[in-house]
Amino acid sequence: MPSPQPPPGYTLISVLFSTFPLEQGLAATLHQAAVDLYRRDVGFGPVAGDVVSGRVVNLKKSLSVGTLTGPAFEAEIDTARGSGKVRYLLTRQGLDLLGVAPPPPAGRRYLN
């Protein structure tokens, strides 16, 4: 029986804007940082890897682009190719594949 293939990259992350071309490893690093922020419902955090450092911001908004929907993020990063900015979203389908539930809605929370 063949082993299951990983989902295509566009299932996990959709880049809306980038000031430089993204390599697969950098896209995976940005995806991992965004999933961590989304799970913890945190506004921002560092991103680091072998050839990248910077900061990812959880915009705390959901975006729709055609049939792709999901939470939006922005990263300001430094790489070997220089500094840049990337705006992207995590796809709802990708989050479902990872078993990541949306954070609880903001507002009043009752203890009882």
PDB file of N, CA and C in Angstrom:
ATOM      1  N   MET A   1       0.841  -1.167   0.000  1.00  0.00           N
ATOM      2  CA  MET A   1       0.000   0.000   0.000  1.00  0.00           C
ATOM      3  C   MET A   1       0.895   1.243   0.000  1.00  0.00           C
ATOM      4  N   PRO A   2       0.705   2.167  -0.949  1.00  0.00           N
ATOM      5  CA  PRO A   2       1.545   3.362  -0.988  1.00  0.00           C
ATOM      6  C   PRO A   2       1.256   4.274   0.197  1.00  0.00           C
ATOM      7  N   SER A   3       2.300   4.995   0.637  1.00  0.00           N
ATOM      8  CA  SER A   3       2.107   5.923   1.749  1.00  0.00           C
ATOM      9  C   SER A   3       1.332   7.136   1.275  1.00  0.00           C
ATOM     10  N   PRO A   4       0.532   7.741   2.168  1.00  0.00           N
ATOM     11  CA  PRO A   4      -0.257   8.907   1.764  1.00  0.00           C
ATOM     12  C   PRO A   4       0.654  10.074   1.405  1.00  0.00           C
ATOM     13  N   GLN A   5       0.288  10.789   0.370  1.00  0.00           N
ATOM     14  CA  GLN A   5       1.054  11.944  -0.076  1.00  0.00           C
ATOM     15  C   GLN A   5       0.653  13.170   0.739  1.00  0.00           C
ATOM     16  N   PRO A   6       1.613  14.058   1.038  1.00  0.00           N
ATOM     17  CA  PRO A   6       1.239  15.285   1.748  1.00  0.00           C
ATOM     18  C   PRO A   6       0.369  16.159   0.840  1.00  0.00           C
ATOM     19  N   PRO A   7      -0.462  17.006   1.428  1.00  0.00           N
ATOM     20  CA  PRO A   7      -1.307  17.865   0.602  1.00  0.00           C
ATOM     21  C   PRO A   7      -0.451  18.860  -0.166  1.00  0.00           C
ATOM     22  N   PRO A   8      -0.932  19.328  -1.316  1.00  0.00           N
ATOM     23  CA  PRO A   8      -0.182  20.333  -2.054  1.00  0.00           C
ATOM     24  C   PRO A   8      -0.035  21.606  -1.223  1.00  0.00           C
ATOM     25  N   GLY A   9       1.002  22.393  -1.493  1.00  0.00           N
ATOM     26  CA  GLY A   9       1.280  23.588  -0.712  1.00  0.00           C
ATOM     27  C   GLY A   9       0.127  24.566  -0.646  1.00  0.00           C
ATOM     28  N   TYR A  10      -0.619  24.727  -1.730  1.00  0.00           N
ATOM     29  CA  TYR A  10      -1.714  25.697  -1.712  1.00  0.00           C
ATOM     30  C   TYR A  10      -2.840  25.281  -0.786  1.00  0.00           C
ATOM     31  N   THR A  11      -2.872  24.032  -0.365  1.00  0.00           N
ATOM     32  CA  THR A  11      -3.872  23.592   0.606  1.00  0.00           C
ATOM     33  C   THR A  11      -3.560  24.165   1.981  1.00  0.00           C
ATOM     34  N   LEU A  12      -2.300  24.433   2.255  1.00  0.00           N
ATOM     35  CA  LEU A  12      -1.884  24.883   3.569  1.00  0.00           C
ATOM     36  C   LEU A  12      -1.769  26.397   3.683  1.00  0.00           C
ATOM     37  N   ILE A  13      -1.193  27.040   2.662  1.00  0.00           N
ATOM     38  CA  ILE A  13      -0.902  28.465   2.738  1.00  0.00           C
ATOM     39  C   ILE A  13      -1.177  29.102   1.387  1.00  0.00           C
ATOM     40  N   SER A  14      -1.709  30.307   1.408  1.00  0.00           N
ATOM     41  CA  SER A  14      -1.939  31.060   0.179  1.00  0.00           C
ATOM     42  C   SER A  14      -1.280  32.422   0.342  1.00  0.00           C
ATOM     43  N   VAL A  15      -0.281  32.695  -0.466  1.00  0.00           N
ATOM     44  CA  VAL A  15       0.453  33.955  -0.380  1.00  0.00           C
ATOM     45  C   VAL A  15      -0.301  35.006  -1.180  1.00  0.00           C
ATOM     46  N   LEU A  16      -0.619  36.106  -0.518  1.00  0.00           N
ATOM     47  CA  LEU A  16      -1.353  37.191  -1.163  1.00  0.00           C
ATOM     48  C   LEU A  16      -0.403  38.229  -1.748  1.00  0.00           C
ATOM     49  N   PHE A  17       0.736  38.448  -1.076  1.00  0.00           N
ATOM     50  CA  PHE A  17       1.684  39.459  -1.492  1.00  0.00           C
ATOM     51  C   PHE A  17       3.051  39.107  -0.918  1.00  0.00           C
ATOM     52  N   SER A  18       4.084  39.254  -1.718  1.00  0.00           N
ATOM     53  CA  SER A  18       5.441  39.036  -1.241  1.00  0.00           C
ATOM     54  C   SER A  18       6.382  39.951  -2.011  1.00  0.00           C
ATOM     55  N   THR A  19       7.330  40.558  -1.301  1.00  0.00           N
ATOM     56  CA  THR A  19       8.284  41.448  -1.960  1.00  0.00           C
ATOM     57  C   THR A  19       9.434  40.683  -2.603  1.00  0.00           C
ATOM     58  N   PHE A  20       9.488  39.364  -2.410  1.00  0.00           N
ATOM     59  CA  PHE A  20      10.495  38.529  -3.070  1.00  0.00           C
ATOM     60  C   PHE A  20       9.943  37.115  -3.226  1.00  0.00           C
ATOM     61  N   PRO A  21      10.507  36.330  -4.140  1.00  0.00           N
ATOM     62  CA  PRO A  21      10.006  34.958  -4.343  1.00  0.00           C
ATOM     63  C   PRO A  21      10.204  34.107  -3.087  1.00  0.00           C
ATOM     64  N   LEU A  22       9.189  33.312  -2.763  1.00  0.00           N
ATOM     65  CA  LEU A  22       9.266  32.429  -1.598  1.00  0.00           C
ATOM     66  C   LEU A  22       9.687  31.028  -2.027  1.00  0.00           C
ATOM     67  N   GLU A  23      10.678  30.524  -1.348  1.00  0.00           N
ATOM     68  CA  GLU A  23      11.072  29.132  -1.564  1.00  0.00           C
ATOM     69  C   GLU A  23      10.215  28.254  -0.668  1.00  0.00           C
ATOM     70  N   GLN A  24      10.169  26.982  -0.986  1.00  0.00           N
ATOM     71  CA  GLN A  24       9.310  26.043  -0.261  1.00  0.00           C
ATOM     72  C   GLN A  24       9.633  26.009   1.233  1.00  0.00           C
ATOM     73  N   GLY A  25      10.901  26.009   1.596  1.00  0.00           N
ATOM     74  CA  GLY A  25      11.284  25.968   3.007  1.00  0.00           C
ATOM     75  C   GLY A  25      10.849  27.200   3.771  1.00  0.00           C
ATOM     76  N   LEU A  26      10.961  28.362   3.145  1.00  0.00           N
ATOM     77  CA  LEU A  26      10.536  29.598   3.791  1.00  0.00           C
ATOM     78  C   LEU A  26       9.019  29.623   3.958  1.00  0.00           C
ATOM     79  N   ALA A  27       8.289  29.182   2.947  1.00  0.00           N
ATOM     80  CA  ALA A  27       6.828  29.110   3.048  1.00  0.00           C
ATOM     81  C   ALA A  27       6.416  28.170   4.177  1.00  0.00           C
ATOM     82  N   ALA A  28       7.108  27.053   4.322  1.00  0.00           N
ATOM     83  CA  ALA A  28       6.794  26.101   5.398  1.00  0.00           C
ATOM     84  C   ALA A  28       7.083  26.717   6.764  1.00  0.00           C
ATOM     85  N   THR A  29       8.169  27.483   6.879  1.00  0.00           N
ATOM     86  CA  THR A  29       8.500  28.140   8.142  1.00  0.00           C
ATOM     87  C   THR A  29       7.442  29.177   8.507  1.00  0.00           C
ATOM     88  N   LEU A  30       6.998  29.964   7.520  1.00  0.00           N
ATOM     89  CA  LEU A  30       5.947  30.954   7.764  1.00  0.00           C
ATOM     90  C   LEU A  30       4.633  30.272   8.149  1.00  0.00           C
ATOM     91  N   HIS A  31       4.334  29.157   7.487  1.00  0.00           N
ATOM     92  CA  HIS A  31       3.116  28.406   7.809  1.00  0.00           C
ATOM     93  C   HIS A  31       3.154  27.923   9.252  1.00  0.00           C
ATOM     94  N   GLN A  32       4.272  27.341   9.651  1.00  0.00           N
ATOM     95  CA  GLN A  32       4.405  26.808  11.008  1.00  0.00           C
ATOM     96  C   GLN A  32       4.264  27.923  12.048  1.00  0.00           C
ATOM     97  N   ALA A  33       4.881  29.077  11.805  1.00  0.00           N
ATOM     98  CA  ALA A  33       4.783  30.199  12.748  1.00  0.00           C
ATOM     99  C   ALA A  33       3.345  30.688  12.852  1.00  0.00           C
ATOM    100  N   ALA A  34       2.643  30.777  11.719  1.00  0.00           N
ATOM    101  CA  ALA A  34       1.256  31.248  11.728  1.00  0.00           C
ATOM    102  C   ALA A  34       0.328  30.260  12.429  1.00  0.00           C
ATOM    103  N   VAL A  35       0.521  28.964  12.200  1.00  0.00           N
ATOM    104  CA  VAL A  35      -0.309  27.960  12.874  1.00  0.00           C
ATOM    105  C   VAL A  35      -0.118  28.059  14.383  1.00  0.00           C
ATOM    106  N   ASP A  36       1.119  28.262  14.825  1.00  0.00           N
ATOM    107  CA  ASP A  36       1.386  28.394  16.256  1.00  0.00           C
ATOM    108  C   ASP A  36       0.665  29.619  16.832  1.00  0.00           C
ATOM    109  N   LEU A  37       0.740  30.762  16.146  1.00  0.00           N
ATOM    110  CA  LEU A  37       0.041  31.964  16.621  1.00  0.00           C
ATOM    111  C   LEU A  37      -1.465  31.755  16.637  1.00  0.00           C
ATOM    112  N   TYR A  38      -1.985  31.099  15.605  1.00  0.00           N
ATOM    113  CA  TYR A  38      -3.422  30.870  15.497  1.00  0.00           C
ATOM    114  C   TYR A  38      -3.906  29.949  16.615  1.00  0.00           C
ATOM    115  N   ARG A  39      -3.161  28.875  16.871  1.00  0.00           N
ATOM    116  CA  ARG A  39      -3.548  27.941  17.945  1.00  0.00           C
ATOM    117  C   ARG A  39      -3.589  28.629  19.302  1.00  0.00           C
ATOM    118  N   ARG A  40      -2.600  29.478  19.552  1.00  0.00           N
ATOM    119  CA  ARG A  40      -2.504  30.143  20.848  1.00  0.00           C
ATOM    120  C   ARG A  40      -3.298  31.447  20.902  1.00  0.00           C
ATOM    121  N   ASP A  41      -3.878  31.872  19.768  1.00  0.00           N
ATOM    122  CA  ASP A  41      -4.630  33.117  19.664  1.00  0.00           C
ATOM    123  C   ASP A  41      -3.795  34.300  20.140  1.00  0.00           C
ATOM    124  N   VAL A  42      -2.557  34.368  19.628  1.00  0.00           N
ATOM    125  CA  VAL A  42      -1.597  35.412  19.988  1.00  0.00           C
ATOM    126  C   VAL A  42      -1.465  36.383  18.823  1.00  0.00           C
ATOM    127  N   GLY A  43      -1.199  37.651  19.124  1.00  0.00           N
ATOM    128  CA  GLY A  43      -1.127  38.690  18.101  1.00  0.00           C
ATOM    129  C   GLY A  43       0.118  38.683  17.241  1.00  0.00           C
ATOM    130  N   PHE A  44       1.270  38.325  17.810  1.00  0.00           N
ATOM    131  CA  PHE A  44       2.508  38.310  17.034  1.00  0.00           C
ATOM    132  C   PHE A  44       3.529  37.403  17.699  1.00  0.00           C
ATOM    133  N   GLY A  45       4.557  37.056  16.935  1.00  0.00           N
ATOM    134  CA  GLY A  45       5.619  36.215  17.463  1.00  0.00           C
ATOM    135  C   GLY A  45       6.800  36.175  16.511  1.00  0.00           C
ATOM    136  N   PRO A  46       7.922  35.690  16.996  1.00  0.00           N
ATOM    137  CA  PRO A  46       9.112  35.617  16.148  1.00  0.00           C
ATOM    138  C   PRO A  46       9.024  34.455  15.171  1.00  0.00           C
ATOM    139  N   VAL A  47       9.745  34.582  14.089  1.00  0.00           N
ATOM    140  CA  VAL A  47       9.916  33.492  13.146  1.00  0.00           C
ATOM    141  C   VAL A  47      11.417  33.359  12.916  1.00  0.00           C
ATOM    142  N   ALA A  48      11.904  32.137  12.958  1.00  0.00           N
ATOM    143  CA  ALA A  48      13.334  31.917  12.770  1.00  0.00           C
ATOM    144  C   ALA A  48      13.561  30.569  12.120  1.00  0.00           C
ATOM    145  N   GLY A  49      14.606  30.502  11.371  1.00  0.00           N
ATOM    146  CA  GLY A  49      14.975  29.266  10.693  1.00  0.00           C
ATOM    147  C   GLY A  49      16.442  29.327  10.327  1.00  0.00           C
ATOM    148  N   ASP A  50      16.855  28.429   9.448  1.00  0.00           N
ATOM    149  CA  ASP A  50      18.260  28.385   9.044  1.00  0.00           C
ATOM    150  C   ASP A  50      18.685  29.668   8.347  1.00  0.00           C
ATOM    151  N   VAL A  51      17.821  30.209   7.505  1.00  0.00           N
ATOM    152  CA  VAL A  51      18.189  31.398   6.727  1.00  0.00           C
ATOM    153  C   VAL A  51      17.154  32.515   6.831  1.00  0.00           C
ATOM    154  N   VAL A  52      16.354  32.513   7.890  1.00  0.00           N
ATOM    155  CA  VAL A  52      15.330  33.533   8.035  1.00  0.00           C
ATOM    156  C   VAL A  52      15.198  33.952   9.496  1.00  0.00           C
ATOM    157  N   SER A  53      14.909  35.227   9.697  1.00  0.00           N
ATOM    158  CA  SER A  53      14.545  35.719  11.027  1.00  0.00           C
ATOM    159  C   SER A  53      13.595  36.885  10.822  1.00  0.00           C
ATOM    160  N   GLY A  54      12.743  37.105  11.786  1.00  0.00           N
ATOM    161  CA  GLY A  54      11.785  38.201  11.676  1.00  0.00           C
ATOM    162  C   GLY A  54      10.619  38.014  12.609  1.00  0.00           C
ATOM    163  N   ARG A  55       9.484  38.551  12.188  1.00  0.00           N
ATOM    164  CA  ARG A  55       8.306  38.566  13.042  1.00  0.00           C
ATOM    165  C   ARG A  55       7.055  38.310  12.195  1.00  0.00           C
ATOM    166  N   VAL A  56       6.145  37.508  12.736  1.00  0.00           N
ATOM    167  CA  VAL A  56       4.861  37.234  12.089  1.00  0.00           C
ATOM    168  C   VAL A  56       3.763  37.850  12.943  1.00  0.00           C
ATOM    169  N   VAL A  57       2.819  38.523  12.280  1.00  0.00           N
ATOM    170  CA  VAL A  57       1.701  39.174  12.965  1.00  0.00           C
ATOM    171  C   VAL A  57       0.404  38.483  12.565  1.00  0.00           C
ATOM    172  N   ASN A  58      -0.377  38.088  13.560  1.00  0.00           N
ATOM    173  CA  ASN A  58      -1.710  37.536  13.340  1.00  0.00           C
ATOM    174  C   ASN A  58      -2.654  38.722  13.183  1.00  0.00           C
ATOM    175  N   LEU A  59      -3.176  38.946  11.980  1.00  0.00           N
ATOM    176  CA  LEU A  59      -4.041  40.096  11.735  1.00  0.00           C
ATOM    177  C   LEU A  59      -5.423  39.932  12.353  1.00  0.00           C
ATOM    178  N   LYS A  60      -5.721  38.733  12.841  1.00  0.00           N
ATOM    179  CA  LYS A  60      -6.994  38.425  13.504  1.00  0.00           C
ATOM    180  C   LYS A  60      -8.192  38.796  12.636  1.00  0.00           C
ATOM    181  N   LYS A  61      -8.037  38.506  11.332  1.00  0.00           N
ATOM    182  CA  LYS A  61      -9.104  38.699  10.354  1.00  0.00           C
ATOM    183  C   LYS A  61      -9.163  37.471   9.477  1.00  0.00           C
ATOM    184  N   SER A  62     -10.336  37.165   8.996  1.00  0.00           N
ATOM    185  CA  SER A  62     -10.480  36.098   8.009  1.00  0.00           C
ATOM    186  C   SER A  62     -10.626  36.738   6.645  1.00  0.00           C
ATOM    187  N   LEU A  63      -9.958  36.154   5.651  1.00  0.00           N
ATOM    188  CA  LEU A  63     -10.021  36.659   4.286  1.00  0.00           C
ATOM    189  C   LEU A  63     -10.562  35.579   3.366  1.00  0.00           C
ATOM    190  N   SER A  64     -11.175  36.017   2.278  1.00  0.00           N
ATOM    191  CA  SER A  64     -11.627  35.111   1.226  1.00  0.00           C
ATOM    192  C   SER A  64     -11.051  35.597  -0.089  1.00  0.00           C
ATOM    193  N   VAL A  65     -10.417  34.688  -0.805  1.00  0.00           N
ATOM    194  CA  VAL A  65      -9.886  34.967  -2.130  1.00  0.00           C
ATOM    195  C   VAL A  65     -10.381  33.833  -3.019  1.00  0.00           C
ATOM    196  N   GLY A  66     -11.402  34.116  -3.795  1.00  0.00           N
ATOM    197  CA  GLY A  66     -12.007  33.046  -4.592  1.00  0.00           C
ATOM    198  C   GLY A  66     -12.580  31.994  -3.671  1.00  0.00           C
ATOM    199  N   THR A  67     -12.110  30.755  -3.820  1.00  0.00           N
ATOM    200  CA  THR A  67     -12.602  29.667  -2.972  1.00  0.00           C
ATOM    201  C   THR A  67     -11.732  29.434  -1.747  1.00  0.00           C
ATOM    202  N   LEU A  68     -10.635  30.186  -1.598  1.00  0.00           N
ATOM    203  CA  LEU A  68      -9.760  30.044  -0.442  1.00  0.00           C
ATOM    204  C   LEU A  68     -10.194  31.000   0.656  1.00  0.00           C
ATOM    205  N   THR A  69     -10.341  30.491   1.858  1.00  0.00           N
ATOM    206  CA  THR A  69     -10.672  31.322   3.014  1.00  0.00           C
ATOM    207  C   THR A  69      -9.809  30.909   4.184  1.00  0.00           C
ATOM    208  N   GLY A  70      -9.562  31.861   5.088  1.00  0.00           N
ATOM    209  CA  GLY A  70      -8.811  31.537   6.289  1.00  0.00           C
ATOM    210  C   GLY A  70      -8.270  32.770   6.975  1.00  0.00           C
ATOM    211  N   PRO A  71      -7.618  32.570   8.118  1.00  0.00           N
ATOM    212  CA  PRO A  71      -7.072  33.679   8.885  1.00  0.00           C
ATOM    213  C   PRO A  71      -5.855  34.290   8.182  1.00  0.00           C
ATOM    214  N   ALA A  72      -5.723  35.625   8.314  1.00  0.00           N
ATOM    215  CA  ALA A  72      -4.671  36.374   7.616  1.00  0.00           C
ATOM    216  C   ALA A  72      -3.480  36.665   8.529  1.00  0.00           C
ATOM    217  N   PHE A  73      -2.296  36.681   7.922  1.00  0.00           N
ATOM    218  CA  PHE A  73      -1.043  36.938   8.632  1.00  0.00           C
ATOM    219  C   PHE A  73      -0.147  37.831   7.794  1.00  0.00           C
ATOM    220  N   GLU A  74       0.786  38.501   8.469  1.00  0.00           N
ATOM    221  CA  GLU A  74       1.773  39.329   7.788  1.00  0.00           C
ATOM    222  C   GLU A  74       3.119  39.070   8.437  1.00  0.00           C
ATOM    223  N   ALA A  75       4.152  38.933   7.631  1.00  0.00           N
ATOM    224  CA  ALA A  75       5.494  38.675   8.149  1.00  0.00           C
ATOM    225  C   ALA A  75       6.464  39.718   7.616  1.00  0.00           C
ATOM    226  N   GLU A  76       7.314  40.212   8.503  1.00  0.00           N
ATOM    227  CA  GLU A  76       8.447  41.052   8.117  1.00  0.00           C
ATOM    228  C   GLU A  76       9.683  40.237   8.441  1.00  0.00           C
ATOM    229  N   ILE A  77      10.435  39.876   7.397  1.00  0.00           N
ATOM    230  CA  ILE A  77      11.524  38.925   7.578  1.00  0.00           C
ATOM    231  C   ILE A  77      12.813  39.398   6.918  1.00  0.00           C
ATOM    232  N   ASP A  78      13.909  38.860   7.416  1.00  0.00           N
ATOM    233  CA  ASP A  78      15.232  39.047   6.834  1.00  0.00           C
ATOM    234  C   ASP A  78      15.722  37.688   6.374  1.00  0.00           C
ATOM    235  N   THR A  79      16.172  37.631   5.125  1.00  0.00           N
ATOM    236  CA  THR A  79      16.705  36.388   4.562  1.00  0.00           C
ATOM    237  C   THR A  79      18.040  36.680   3.903  1.00  0.00           C
ATOM    238  N   ALA A  80      18.647  35.639   3.365  1.00  0.00           N
ATOM    239  CA  ALA A  80      19.898  35.805   2.628  1.00  0.00           C
ATOM    240  C   ALA A  80      19.683  36.684   1.399  1.00  0.00           C
ATOM    241  N   ARG A  81      18.464  36.727   0.888  1.00  0.00           N
ATOM    242  CA  ARG A  81      18.133  37.549  -0.288  1.00  0.00           C
ATOM    243  C   ARG A  81      17.785  38.983   0.083  1.00  0.00           C
ATOM    244  N   GLY A  82      17.749  39.288   1.370  1.00  0.00           N
ATOM    245  CA  GLY A  82      17.406  40.631   1.821  1.00  0.00           C
ATOM    246  C   GLY A  82      16.174  40.635   2.704  1.00  0.00           C
ATOM    247  N   SER A  83      15.724  41.831   3.026  1.00  0.00           N
ATOM    248  CA  SER A  83      14.546  42.001   3.879  1.00  0.00           C
ATOM    249  C   SER A  83      13.303  42.096   3.016  1.00  0.00           C
ATOM    250  N   GLY A  84      12.161  41.712   3.602  1.00  0.00           N
ATOM    251  CA  GLY A  84      10.925  41.792   2.847  1.00  0.00           C
ATOM    252  C   GLY A  84       9.707  41.599   3.705  1.00  0.00           C
ATOM    253  N   LYS A  85       8.571  41.700   3.038  1.00  0.00           N
ATOM    254  CA  LYS A  85       7.270  41.562   3.692  1.00  0.00           C
ATOM    255  C   LYS A  85       6.451  40.537   2.921  1.00  0.00           C
ATOM    256  N   VAL A  86       5.710  39.715   3.671  1.00  0.00           N
ATOM    257  CA  VAL A  86       4.847  38.706   3.065  1.00  0.00           C
ATOM    258  C   VAL A  86       3.488  38.783   3.749  1.00  0.00           C
ATOM    259  N   ARG A  87       2.428  38.854   2.951  1.00  0.00           N
ATOM    260  CA  ARG A  87       1.064  38.768   3.477  1.00  0.00           C
ATOM    261  C   ARG A  87       0.469  37.470   2.958  1.00  0.00           C
ATOM    262  N   TYR A  88      -0.137  36.713   3.852  1.00  0.00           N
ATOM    263  CA  TYR A  88      -0.644  35.400   3.464  1.00  0.00           C
ATOM    264  C   TYR A  88      -1.784  34.975   4.363  1.00  0.00           C
ATOM    265  N   LEU A  89      -2.445  33.910   3.949  1.00  0.00           N
ATOM    266  CA  LEU A  89      -3.483  33.339   4.799  1.00  0.00           C
ATOM    267  C   LEU A  89      -3.277  31.837   4.909  1.00  0.00           C
ATOM    268  N   LEU A  90      -3.726  31.310   6.029  1.00  0.00           N
ATOM    269  CA  LEU A  90      -3.767  29.866   6.220  1.00  0.00           C
ATOM    270  C   LEU A  90      -5.121  29.415   5.707  1.00  0.00           C
ATOM    271  N   THR A  91      -5.146  28.419   4.870  1.00  0.00           N
ATOM    272  CA  THR A  91      -6.435  27.992   4.319  1.00  0.00           C
ATOM    273  C   THR A  91      -7.220  27.204   5.368  1.00  0.00           C
ATOM    274  N   ARG A  92      -8.516  27.382   5.349  1.00  0.00           N
ATOM    275  CA  ARG A  92      -9.388  26.648   6.270  1.00  0.00           C
ATOM    276  C   ARG A  92      -9.233  25.148   6.056  1.00  0.00           C
ATOM    277  N   GLN A  93      -9.098  24.727   4.781  1.00  0.00           N
ATOM    278  CA  GLN A  93      -8.915  23.310   4.474  1.00  0.00           C
ATOM    279  C   GLN A  93      -7.621  22.781   5.103  1.00  0.00           C
ATOM    280  N   GLY A  94      -6.557  23.550   5.032  1.00  0.00           N
ATOM    281  CA  GLY A  94      -5.297  23.137   5.642  1.00  0.00           C
ATOM    282  C   GLY A  94      -5.382  23.044   7.149  1.00  0.00           C
ATOM    283  N   LEU A  95      -6.073  24.006   7.775  1.00  0.00           N
ATOM    284  CA  LEU A  95      -6.248  23.963   9.227  1.00  0.00           C
ATOM    285  C   LEU A  95      -7.083  22.754   9.635  1.00  0.00           C
ATOM    286  N   ASP A  96      -8.104  22.435   8.845  1.00  0.00           N
ATOM    287  CA  ASP A  96      -8.920  21.254   9.136  1.00  0.00           C
ATOM    288  C   ASP A  96      -8.086  19.977   9.030  1.00  0.00           C
ATOM    289  N   LEU A  97      -7.205  19.893   8.027  1.00  0.00           N
ATOM    290  CA  LEU A  97      -6.329  18.723   7.879  1.00  0.00           C
ATOM    291  C   LEU A  97      -5.411  18.552   9.081  1.00  0.00           C
ATOM    292  N   LEU A  98      -4.989  19.675   9.674  1.00  0.00           N
ATOM    293  CA  LEU A  98      -4.118  19.637  10.849  1.00  0.00           C
ATOM    294  C   LEU A  98      -4.897  19.447  12.148  1.00  0.00           C
ATOM    295  N   GLY A  99      -6.218  19.520  12.071  1.00  0.00           N
ATOM    296  CA  GLY A  99      -7.043  19.372  13.273  1.00  0.00           C
ATOM    297  C   GLY A  99      -7.026  20.599  14.155  1.00  0.00           C
ATOM    298  N   VAL A 100      -6.803  21.771  13.576  1.00  0.00           N
ATOM    299  CA  VAL A 100      -6.744  23.010  14.341  1.00  0.00           C
ATOM    300  C   VAL A 100      -8.125  23.659  14.347  1.00  0.00           C
ATOM    301  N   ALA A 101      -8.668  23.815  15.529  1.00  0.00           N
ATOM    302  CA  ALA A 101      -9.986  24.450  15.673  1.00  0.00           C
ATOM    303  C   ALA A 101      -9.808  25.951  15.763  1.00  0.00           C
ATOM    304  N   PRO A 102     -10.801  26.721  15.320  1.00  0.00           N
ATOM    305  CA  PRO A 102     -10.705  28.175  15.452  1.00  0.00           C
ATOM    306  C   PRO A 102     -10.688  28.577  16.920  1.00  0.00           C
ATOM    307  N   PRO A 103     -10.044  29.713  17.232  1.00  0.00           N
ATOM    308  CA  PRO A 103     -10.045  30.166  18.625  1.00  0.00           C
ATOM    309  C   PRO A 103     -11.451  30.549  19.056  1.00  0.00           C
ATOM    310  N   PRO A 104     -11.726  30.531  20.355  1.00  0.00           N
ATOM    311  CA  PRO A 104     -13.061  30.909  20.826  1.00  0.00           C
ATOM    312  C   PRO A 104     -13.346  32.364  20.474  1.00  0.00           C
ATOM    313  N   PRO A 105     -14.618  32.711  20.236  1.00  0.00           N
ATOM    314  CA  PRO A 105     -14.953  34.085  19.879  1.00  0.00           C
ATOM    315  C   PRO A 105     -14.643  35.044  21.028  1.00  0.00           C
ATOM    316  N   ALA A 106     -14.221  36.251  20.647  1.00  0.00           N
ATOM    317  CA  ALA A 106     -13.923  37.273  21.656  1.00  0.00           C
ATOM    318  C   ALA A 106     -15.229  37.798  22.226  1.00  0.00           C
ATOM    319  N   GLY A 107     -15.140  38.404  23.369  1.00  0.00           N
ATOM    320  CA  GLY A 107     -16.341  38.962  23.992  1.00  0.00           C
ATOM    321  C   GLY A 107     -16.488  38.443  25.400  1.00  0.00           C
ATOM    322  N   ARG A 108     -17.673  38.518  25.900  1.00  0.00           N
ATOM    323  CA  ARG A 108     -17.931  38.090  27.271  1.00  0.00           C
ATOM    324  C   ARG A 108     -17.831  36.567  27.384  1.00  0.00           C
ATOM    325  N   ARG A 109     -17.206  36.163  28.441  1.00  0.00           N
ATOM    326  CA  ARG A 109     -17.106  34.739  28.732  1.00  0.00           C
ATOM    327  C   ARG A 109     -17.633  34.515  30.144  1.00  0.00           C
ATOM    328  N   TYR A 110     -18.580  33.639  30.233  1.00  0.00           N
ATOM    329  CA  TYR A 110     -19.209  33.362  31.516  1.00  0.00           C
ATOM    330  C   TYR A 110     -18.588  32.131  32.139  1.00  0.00           C
ATOM    331  N   LEU A 111     -18.454  32.163  33.448  1.00  0.00           N
ATOM    332  CA  LEU A 111     -17.805  31.067  34.156  1.00  0.00           C
ATOM    333  C   LEU A 111     -18.747  29.915  34.465  1.00  0.00           C
ATOM    334  N   ASN A 112     -20.046  30.107  34.438  1.00  0.00           N
ATOM    335  CA  ASN A 112     -20.957  29.033  34.802  1.00  0.00           C
ATOM    336  C   ASN A 112     -21.495  28.337  33.621  1.00  0.00           C
TER     337      ASN A 112
END
